[in-house]
């Protein structure tokens, strides 16, 4: 990093975050991969994110922004506050090689999440990550760089669960296996509401106490636990026994 005369600073191997405000362009120079860590809260130290604590109009040319300009546009003379706003709201500039690598990593993460969250309904076994990646390609599933991996994984599961997807790769959400226990008098009142959320019943024993072992979709877990806790005034219990 060499400082040039005047307001030029040359940087290499840099990730640029750009933001337009008040009709002017502002950029900051960051270490590669650190921007996403800062935005997700993994990294909070600006000195670990920035190659240099400076605001630019053009990072590749080393042109430093005038303090009067960024003070007027951001309504503050606190450089750290301005840098943080650019970091959080600005647009990350990446070259084609970086973009390709980013999409490849994201695609792998999506496939891994789908593998963890689903099973083959015919065998109750998980599909391999490689098999899911191959299916993503066959379906023409488009990975979006600006969308979280989990949201895209859920979108892919929905697509694979459709008629079109099933012909490519049979899949269903992995179910939670839970045990529900509560006094029988409470069960007579709320059992029907609980069973609406159940995919499959393994055991159902009603006496002075009701005990059932059932399979549910993970999305139903909160509904069932809230129902059991609130309606039995804490006398009921939901116990997770694993996934199937």
C-alpha atoms as a PDB file:
ATOM      1  CA  UNK A   1       0.000   0.000   0.000  1.00  0.00           C
ATOM      2  CA  UNK A   2       1.782   3.140  -1.205  1.00  0.00           C
ATOM      3  CA  UNK A   3       0.550   6.671  -0.644  1.00  0.00           C
ATOM      4  CA  UNK A   4       0.849   8.921  -3.661  1.00  0.00           C
ATOM      5  CA  UNK A   5       1.125  12.723  -3.578  1.00  0.00           C
ATOM      6  CA  UNK A   6      -2.135  14.571  -2.913  1.00  0.00           C
ATOM      7  CA  UNK A   7      -5.182  12.417  -2.412  1.00  0.00           C
ATOM      8  CA  UNK A   8      -4.243   9.225  -4.246  1.00  0.00           C
ATOM      9  CA  UNK A   9      -3.856   5.871  -2.476  1.00  0.00           C
ATOM     10  CA  UNK A  10      -3.152   2.711  -4.480  1.00  0.00           C
ATOM     11  CA  UNK A  11      -4.558  -0.608  -3.246  1.00  0.00           C
ATOM     12  CA  UNK A  12      -4.414  -4.193  -4.535  1.00  0.00           C
ATOM     13  CA  UNK A  13      -6.429  -7.416  -3.929  1.00  0.00           C
ATOM     14  CA  UNK A  14      -9.324  -5.374  -2.660  1.00  0.00           C
ATOM     15  CA  UNK A  15     -13.088  -5.803  -2.432  1.00  0.00           C
ATOM     16  CA  UNK A  16     -14.942  -2.559  -3.086  1.00  0.00           C
ATOM     17  CA  UNK A  17     -18.242  -1.493  -1.535  1.00  0.00           C
ATOM     18  CA  UNK A  18     -19.904   1.360  -3.426  1.00  0.00           C
ATOM     19  CA  UNK A  19     -22.758   3.665  -2.445  1.00  0.00           C
ATOM     20  CA  UNK A  20     -24.340   6.631  -4.201  1.00  0.00           C
ATOM     21  CA  UNK A  21     -25.711   9.358  -1.971  1.00  0.00           C
ATOM     22  CA  UNK A  22     -26.579  12.975  -2.604  1.00  0.00           C
ATOM     23  CA  UNK A  23     -25.700  12.551  -6.260  1.00  0.00           C
ATOM     24  CA  UNK A  24     -22.117  11.510  -5.441  1.00  0.00           C
ATOM     25  CA  UNK A  25     -20.317   8.162  -5.447  1.00  0.00           C
ATOM     26  CA  UNK A  26     -18.475   6.889  -2.371  1.00  0.00           C
ATOM     27  CA  UNK A  27     -16.415   3.715  -2.059  1.00  0.00           C
ATOM     28  CA  UNK A  28     -14.520   1.884   0.654  1.00  0.00           C
ATOM     29  CA  UNK A  29     -11.734  -0.682   0.276  1.00  0.00           C
ATOM     30  CA  UNK A  30     -12.242  -3.946   2.160  1.00  0.00           C
ATOM     31  CA  UNK A  31     -10.500  -7.279   2.580  1.00  0.00           C
ATOM     32  CA  UNK A  32     -12.025 -10.015   0.444  1.00  0.00           C
ATOM     33  CA  UNK A  33     -14.773 -12.059   2.201  1.00  0.00           C
ATOM     34  CA  UNK A  34     -14.872  -9.693   5.192  1.00  0.00           C
ATOM     35  CA  UNK A  35     -17.880  -7.683   3.986  1.00  0.00           C
ATOM     36  CA  UNK A  36     -20.299 -10.616   4.317  1.00  0.00           C
ATOM     37  CA  UNK A  37     -18.854 -11.438   7.762  1.00  0.00           C
ATOM     38  CA  UNK A  38     -19.468  -7.856   8.895  1.00  0.00           C
ATOM     39  CA  UNK A  39     -23.018  -7.811   7.527  1.00  0.00           C
ATOM     40  CA  UNK A  40     -23.880 -11.106   9.227  1.00  0.00           C
ATOM     41  CA  UNK A  41     -22.418  -9.953  12.543  1.00  0.00           C
ATOM     42  CA  UNK A  42     -19.536 -12.465  12.581  1.00  0.00           C
ATOM     43  CA  UNK A  43     -17.005  -9.622  12.349  1.00  0.00           C
ATOM     44  CA  UNK A  44     -17.571  -6.347  14.236  1.00  0.00           C
ATOM     45  CA  UNK A  45     -14.090  -4.807  14.167  1.00  0.00           C
ATOM     46  CA  UNK A  46     -13.841  -2.311  11.278  1.00  0.00           C
ATOM     47  CA  UNK A  47     -10.047  -2.577  11.250  1.00  0.00           C
ATOM     48  CA  UNK A  48     -10.419  -6.263  10.322  1.00  0.00           C
ATOM     49  CA  UNK A  49     -12.762  -5.395   7.454  1.00  0.00           C
ATOM     50  CA  UNK A  50     -11.115  -2.303   5.924  1.00  0.00           C
ATOM     51  CA  UNK A  51      -7.838  -2.315   4.030  1.00  0.00           C
ATOM     52  CA  UNK A  52      -7.583   1.345   4.933  1.00  0.00           C
ATOM     53  CA  UNK A  53      -9.815   3.596   7.028  1.00  0.00           C
ATOM     54  CA  UNK A  54     -10.644   5.985   4.236  1.00  0.00           C
ATOM     55  CA  UNK A  55     -13.549   7.004   2.002  1.00  0.00           C
ATOM     56  CA  UNK A  56     -12.897   7.082  -1.732  1.00  0.00           C
ATOM     57  CA  UNK A  57     -14.640   8.289  -4.862  1.00  0.00           C
ATOM     58  CA  UNK A  58     -12.760   5.658  -6.881  1.00  0.00           C
ATOM     59  CA  UNK A  59     -10.784   2.896  -5.159  1.00  0.00           C
ATOM     60  CA  UNK A  60      -8.981   1.456  -8.232  1.00  0.00           C
ATOM     61  CA  UNK A  61      -7.682   4.940  -9.122  1.00  0.00           C
ATOM     62  CA  UNK A  62      -6.899   5.699  -5.471  1.00  0.00           C
ATOM     63  CA  UNK A  63      -9.028   8.854  -5.440  1.00  0.00           C
ATOM     64  CA  UNK A  64      -9.967   9.903  -1.894  1.00  0.00           C
ATOM     65  CA  UNK A  65     -13.342  11.600  -1.322  1.00  0.00           C
ATOM     66  CA  UNK A  66     -13.365  15.141   0.016  1.00  0.00           C
ATOM     67  CA  UNK A  67     -14.421  15.355   3.646  1.00  0.00           C
ATOM     68  CA  UNK A  68     -16.807  18.211   2.826  1.00  0.00           C
ATOM     69  CA  UNK A  69     -18.605  15.973   0.315  1.00  0.00           C
ATOM     70  CA  UNK A  70     -19.197  12.955   2.564  1.00  0.00           C
ATOM     71  CA  UNK A  71     -19.978  15.160   5.574  1.00  0.00           C
ATOM     72  CA  UNK A  72     -22.687  16.954   3.601  1.00  0.00           C
ATOM     73  CA  UNK A  73     -24.148  13.796   1.998  1.00  0.00           C
ATOM     74  CA  UNK A  74     -24.196  11.667   5.167  1.00  0.00           C
ATOM     75  CA  UNK A  75     -25.007  14.527   7.567  1.00  0.00           C
ATOM     76  CA  UNK A  76     -22.139  13.624   9.911  1.00  0.00           C
ATOM     77  CA  UNK A  77     -18.411  14.277  10.201  1.00  0.00           C
ATOM     78  CA  UNK A  78     -17.854  10.911  11.940  1.00  0.00           C
ATOM     79  CA  UNK A  79     -15.951   8.872   9.363  1.00  0.00           C
ATOM     80  CA  UNK A  80     -16.637   5.541  11.107  1.00  0.00           C
ATOM     81  CA  UNK A  81     -20.399   6.139  10.961  1.00  0.00           C
ATOM     82  CA  UNK A  82     -20.179   6.904   7.248  1.00  0.00           C
ATOM     83  CA  UNK A  83     -18.019   3.832   6.595  1.00  0.00           C
ATOM     84  CA  UNK A  84     -20.462   1.617   8.538  1.00  0.00           C
ATOM     85  CA  UNK A  85     -23.407   2.918   6.517  1.00  0.00           C
ATOM     86  CA  UNK A  86     -21.579   2.259   3.255  1.00  0.00           C
ATOM     87  CA  UNK A  87     -20.618  -1.212   4.519  1.00  0.00           C
ATOM     88  CA  UNK A  88     -24.196  -2.117   5.461  1.00  0.00           C
ATOM     89  CA  UNK A  89     -26.130  -0.488   2.617  1.00  0.00           C
ATOM     90  CA  UNK A  90     -23.632  -0.237  -0.215  1.00  0.00           C
ATOM     91  CA  UNK A  91     -23.258  -2.555  -3.185  1.00  0.00           C
ATOM     92  CA  UNK A  92     -20.372  -5.014  -3.097  1.00  0.00           C
ATOM     93  CA  UNK A  93     -18.421  -4.887  -6.371  1.00  0.00           C
ATOM     94  CA  UNK A  94     -17.018  -8.265  -7.378  1.00  0.00           C
ATOM     95  CA  UNK A  95     -15.268  -9.388 -10.541  1.00  0.00           C
ATOM     96  CA  UNK A  96     -16.372 -12.350 -12.662  1.00  0.00           C
ATOM     97  CA  UNK A  97     -13.959 -14.786 -11.010  1.00  0.00           C
ATOM     98  CA  UNK A  98     -15.084 -13.771  -7.513  1.00  0.00           C
ATOM     99  CA  UNK A  99     -18.752 -13.947  -8.575  1.00  0.00           C
ATOM    100  CA  UNK A 100     -18.280 -17.429 -10.021  1.00  0.00           C
ATOM    101  CA  UNK A 101     -16.564 -18.629  -6.831  1.00  0.00           C
ATOM    102  CA  UNK A 102     -19.252 -17.021  -4.656  1.00  0.00           C
ATOM    103  CA  UNK A 103     -22.099 -18.653  -6.600  1.00  0.00           C
ATOM    104  CA  UNK A 104     -20.340 -22.018  -6.548  1.00  0.00           C
ATOM    105  CA  UNK A 105     -19.912 -21.845  -2.747  1.00  0.00           C
ATOM    106  CA  UNK A 106     -23.505 -20.699  -2.296  1.00  0.00           C
ATOM    107  CA  UNK A 107     -24.791 -23.506  -4.524  1.00  0.00           C
ATOM    108  CA  UNK A 108     -22.881 -26.034  -2.403  1.00  0.00           C
ATOM    109  CA  UNK A 109     -24.295 -24.520   0.801  1.00  0.00           C
ATOM    110  CA  UNK A 110     -27.854 -24.723  -0.566  1.00  0.00           C
ATOM    111  CA  UNK A 111     -27.396 -28.362  -1.587  1.00  0.00           C
ATOM    112  CA  UNK A 112     -25.942 -29.189   1.843  1.00  0.00           C
ATOM    113  CA  UNK A 113     -28.926 -27.595   3.613  1.00  0.00           C
ATOM    114  CA  UNK A 114     -31.384 -29.492   1.410  1.00  0.00           C
ATOM    115  CA  UNK A 115     -29.553 -32.742   2.169  1.00  0.00           C
ATOM    116  CA  UNK A 116     -29.783 -32.047   5.909  1.00  0.00           C
ATOM    117  CA  UNK A 117     -33.470 -31.060   5.802  1.00  0.00           C
ATOM    118  CA  UNK A 118     -34.873 -33.810   3.579  1.00  0.00           C
ATOM    119  CA  UNK A 119     -34.970 -37.550   2.919  1.00  0.00           C
ATOM    120  CA  UNK A 120     -35.882 -39.871   0.058  1.00  0.00           C
ATOM    121  CA  UNK A 121     -39.486 -40.914   0.889  1.00  0.00           C
ATOM    122  CA  UNK A 122     -38.846 -44.375  -0.585  1.00  0.00           C
ATOM    123  CA  UNK A 123     -35.862 -45.215   1.618  1.00  0.00           C
ATOM    124  CA  UNK A 124     -36.031 -42.599   4.430  1.00  0.00           C
ATOM    125  CA  UNK A 125     -32.359 -41.915   3.731  1.00  0.00           C
ATOM    126  CA  UNK A 126     -30.759 -38.595   2.903  1.00  0.00           C
ATOM    127  CA  UNK A 127     -29.706 -37.764  -0.635  1.00  0.00           C
ATOM    128  CA  UNK A 128     -26.021 -36.921  -1.067  1.00  0.00           C
ATOM    129  CA  UNK A 129     -24.992 -33.286  -1.582  1.00  0.00           C
ATOM    130  CA  UNK A 130     -23.571 -34.234  -4.988  1.00  0.00           C
ATOM    131  CA  UNK A 131     -26.874 -35.771  -6.074  1.00  0.00           C
ATOM    132  CA  UNK A 132     -28.772 -32.618  -5.064  1.00  0.00           C
ATOM    133  CA  UNK A 133     -26.261 -30.389  -6.911  1.00  0.00           C
ATOM    134  CA  UNK A 134     -26.740 -32.537 -10.047  1.00  0.00           C
ATOM    135  CA  UNK A 135     -30.534 -32.182  -9.726  1.00  0.00           C
ATOM    136  CA  UNK A 136     -30.228 -28.395  -9.272  1.00  0.00           C
ATOM    137  CA  UNK A 137     -28.386 -28.296 -12.599  1.00  0.00           C
ATOM    138  CA  UNK A 138     -30.950 -30.536 -14.326  1.00  0.00           C
ATOM    139  CA  UNK A 139     -33.825 -28.383 -13.074  1.00  0.00           C
ATOM    140  CA  UNK A 140     -32.030 -25.194 -14.115  1.00  0.00           C
ATOM    141  CA  UNK A 141     -32.280 -23.888 -10.534  1.00  0.00           C
ATOM    142  CA  UNK A 142     -30.882 -20.357 -10.512  1.00  0.00           C
ATOM    143  CA  UNK A 143     -28.760 -19.500  -7.459  1.00  0.00           C
ATOM    144  CA  UNK A 144     -29.140 -15.861  -6.395  1.00  0.00           C
ATOM    145  CA  UNK A 145     -26.089 -14.186  -4.833  1.00  0.00           C
ATOM    146  CA  UNK A 146     -28.162 -11.679  -2.848  1.00  0.00           C
ATOM    147  CA  UNK A 147     -30.559 -14.186  -1.239  1.00  0.00           C
ATOM    148  CA  UNK A 148     -29.788 -16.229   1.932  1.00  0.00           C
ATOM    149  CA  UNK A 149     -28.899 -19.889   1.388  1.00  0.00           C
ATOM    150  CA  UNK A 150     -31.659 -21.171   3.699  1.00  0.00           C
ATOM    151  CA  UNK A 151     -34.399 -19.274   1.840  1.00  0.00           C
ATOM    152  CA  UNK A 152     -33.130 -20.723  -1.449  1.00  0.00           C
ATOM    153  CA  UNK A 153     -32.891 -24.214   0.067  1.00  0.00           C
ATOM    154  CA  UNK A 154     -36.567 -24.028   1.103  1.00  0.00           C
ATOM    155  CA  UNK A 155     -37.448 -22.776  -2.376  1.00  0.00           C
ATOM    156  CA  UNK A 156     -35.599 -25.728  -3.921  1.00  0.00           C
ATOM    157  CA  UNK A 157     -37.341 -28.211  -1.603  1.00  0.00           C
ATOM    158  CA  UNK A 158     -40.703 -26.781  -2.668  1.00  0.00           C
ATOM    159  CA  UNK A 159     -39.725 -27.129  -6.330  1.00  0.00           C
ATOM    160  CA  UNK A 160     -38.479 -30.687  -5.845  1.00  0.00           C
ATOM    161  CA  UNK A 161     -41.698 -31.590  -4.014  1.00  0.00           C
ATOM    162  CA  UNK A 162     -43.763 -30.518  -7.034  1.00  0.00           C
ATOM    163  CA  UNK A 163     -44.702 -32.981  -9.764  1.00  0.00           C
ATOM    164  CA  UNK A 164     -41.882 -31.710 -11.966  1.00  0.00           C
ATOM    165  CA  UNK A 165     -39.332 -32.145  -9.171  1.00  0.00           C
ATOM    166  CA  UNK A 166     -40.533 -35.565  -8.040  1.00  0.00           C
ATOM    167  CA  UNK A 167     -39.829 -37.011 -11.473  1.00  0.00           C
ATOM    168  CA  UNK A 168     -36.237 -35.772 -11.095  1.00  0.00           C
ATOM    169  CA  UNK A 169     -35.532 -36.591  -7.451  1.00  0.00           C
ATOM    170  CA  UNK A 170     -38.067 -38.027  -4.954  1.00  0.00           C
ATOM    171  CA  UNK A 171     -37.851 -35.925  -1.791  1.00  0.00           C
ATOM    172  CA  UNK A 172     -39.730 -34.909   1.347  1.00  0.00           C
ATOM    173  CA  UNK A 173     -38.917 -32.798   4.389  1.00  0.00           C
ATOM    174  CA  UNK A 174     -37.240 -34.789   7.148  1.00  0.00           C
ATOM    175  CA  UNK A 175     -39.747 -35.173   9.966  1.00  0.00           C
ATOM    176  CA  UNK A 176     -39.229 -34.642  13.664  1.00  0.00           C
ATOM    177  CA  UNK A 177     -40.121 -37.574  15.890  1.00  0.00           C
ATOM    178  CA  UNK A 178     -41.614 -36.362  19.177  1.00  0.00           C
ATOM    179  CA  UNK A 179     -43.219 -37.762  22.308  1.00  0.00           C
ATOM    180  CA  UNK A 180     -46.201 -35.858  23.743  1.00  0.00           C
ATOM    181  CA  UNK A 181     -47.422 -36.452  27.289  1.00  0.00           C
ATOM    182  CA  UNK A 182     -50.143 -34.704  29.311  1.00  0.00           C
ATOM    183  CA  UNK A 183     -53.009 -35.418  31.749  1.00  0.00           C
ATOM    184  CA  UNK A 184     -55.849 -37.331  30.073  1.00  0.00           C
ATOM    185  CA  UNK A 185     -58.450 -34.656  30.879  1.00  0.00           C
ATOM    186  CA  UNK A 186     -56.370 -32.058  28.987  1.00  0.00           C
ATOM    187  CA  UNK A 187     -55.818 -34.458  26.090  1.00  0.00           C
ATOM    188  CA  UNK A 188     -59.569 -34.988  25.620  1.00  0.00           C
ATOM    189  CA  UNK A 189     -59.872 -31.248  25.130  1.00  0.00           C
ATOM    190  CA  UNK A 190     -56.928 -30.492  22.813  1.00  0.00           C
ATOM    191  CA  UNK A 191     -55.870 -33.799  21.231  1.00  0.00           C
ATOM    192  CA  UNK A 192     -57.777 -33.155  17.991  1.00  0.00           C
ATOM    193  CA  UNK A 193     -56.029 -29.793  17.511  1.00  0.00           C
ATOM    194  CA  UNK A 194     -52.633 -31.409  18.064  1.00  0.00           C
ATOM    195  CA  UNK A 195     -53.318 -34.275  15.675  1.00  0.00           C
ATOM    196  CA  UNK A 196     -54.092 -31.796  12.884  1.00  0.00           C
ATOM    197  CA  UNK A 197     -50.353 -30.992  12.890  1.00  0.00           C
ATOM    198  CA  UNK A 198     -49.226 -34.656  12.859  1.00  0.00           C
ATOM    199  CA  UNK A 199     -47.991 -36.444   9.728  1.00  0.00           C
ATOM    200  CA  UNK A 200     -47.855 -39.958  11.177  1.00  0.00           C
ATOM    201  CA  UNK A 201     -48.766 -41.567  14.515  1.00  0.00           C
ATOM    202  CA  UNK A 202     -46.544 -44.339  15.878  1.00  0.00           C
ATOM    203  CA  UNK A 203     -48.095 -44.772  19.355  1.00  0.00           C
ATOM    204  CA  UNK A 204     -51.259 -43.376  20.950  1.00  0.00           C
ATOM    205  CA  UNK A 205     -52.030 -44.430  24.517  1.00  0.00           C
ATOM    206  CA  UNK A 206     -54.884 -42.750  26.389  1.00  0.00           C
ATOM    207  CA  UNK A 207     -55.514 -43.318  30.093  1.00  0.00           C
ATOM    208  CA  UNK A 208     -55.191 -41.051  33.108  1.00  0.00           C
ATOM    209  CA  UNK A 209     -52.304 -39.674  31.100  1.00  0.00           C
ATOM    210  CA  UNK A 210     -52.088 -39.390  27.325  1.00  0.00           C
ATOM    211  CA  UNK A 211     -48.840 -40.403  25.677  1.00  0.00           C
ATOM    212  CA  UNK A 212     -48.242 -40.324  21.942  1.00  0.00           C
ATOM    213  CA  UNK A 213     -45.209 -40.754  19.716  1.00  0.00           C
ATOM    214  CA  UNK A 214     -45.713 -38.961  16.411  1.00  0.00           C
ATOM    215  CA  UNK A 215     -43.908 -37.636  13.349  1.00  0.00           C
ATOM    216  CA  UNK A 216     -44.344 -33.988  12.382  1.00  0.00           C
ATOM    217  CA  UNK A 217     -42.937 -31.470   9.932  1.00  0.00           C
ATOM    218  CA  UNK A 218     -40.391 -29.215  11.718  1.00  0.00           C
ATOM    219  CA  UNK A 219     -42.565 -26.171  10.973  1.00  0.00           C
ATOM    220  CA  UNK A 220     -45.323 -27.628  13.203  1.00  0.00           C
ATOM    221  CA  UNK A 221     -43.109 -28.028  16.282  1.00  0.00           C
ATOM    222  CA  UNK A 222     -43.636 -24.509  17.642  1.00  0.00           C
ATOM    223  CA  UNK A 223     -47.414 -24.737  17.174  1.00  0.00           C
ATOM    224  CA  UNK A 224     -47.586 -28.034  19.096  1.00  0.00           C
ATOM    225  CA  UNK A 225     -45.291 -26.962  21.946  1.00  0.00           C
ATOM    226  CA  UNK A 226     -47.222 -23.695  22.405  1.00  0.00           C
ATOM    227  CA  UNK A 227     -50.522 -25.583  22.411  1.00  0.00           C
ATOM    228  CA  UNK A 228     -49.328 -28.157  24.944  1.00  0.00           C
ATOM    229  CA  UNK A 229     -47.696 -25.594  27.243  1.00  0.00           C
ATOM    230  CA  UNK A 230     -50.562 -23.095  27.221  1.00  0.00           C
ATOM    231  CA  UNK A 231     -53.501 -25.499  27.358  1.00  0.00           C
ATOM    232  CA  UNK A 232     -52.087 -27.788  30.088  1.00  0.00           C
ATOM    233  CA  UNK A 233     -50.700 -24.916  32.203  1.00  0.00           C
ATOM    234  CA  UNK A 234     -47.259 -26.502  32.103  1.00  0.00           C
ATOM    235  CA  UNK A 235     -48.380 -30.059  32.963  1.00  0.00           C
ATOM    236  CA  UNK A 236     -47.848 -31.346  29.445  1.00  0.00           C
ATOM    237  CA  UNK A 237     -44.513 -32.055  27.793  1.00  0.00           C
ATOM    238  CA  UNK A 238     -43.111 -32.357  24.267  1.00  0.00           C
ATOM    239  CA  UNK A 239     -39.863 -34.278  23.874  1.00  0.00           C
ATOM    240  CA  UNK A 240     -37.811 -34.433  20.670  1.00  0.00           C
ATOM    241  CA  UNK A 241     -36.703 -37.985  19.856  1.00  0.00           C
ATOM    242  CA  UNK A 242     -34.811 -37.289  16.646  1.00  0.00           C
ATOM    243  CA  UNK A 243     -35.474 -37.048  12.905  1.00  0.00           C
ATOM    244  CA  UNK A 244     -36.917 -39.569  10.435  1.00  0.00           C
END
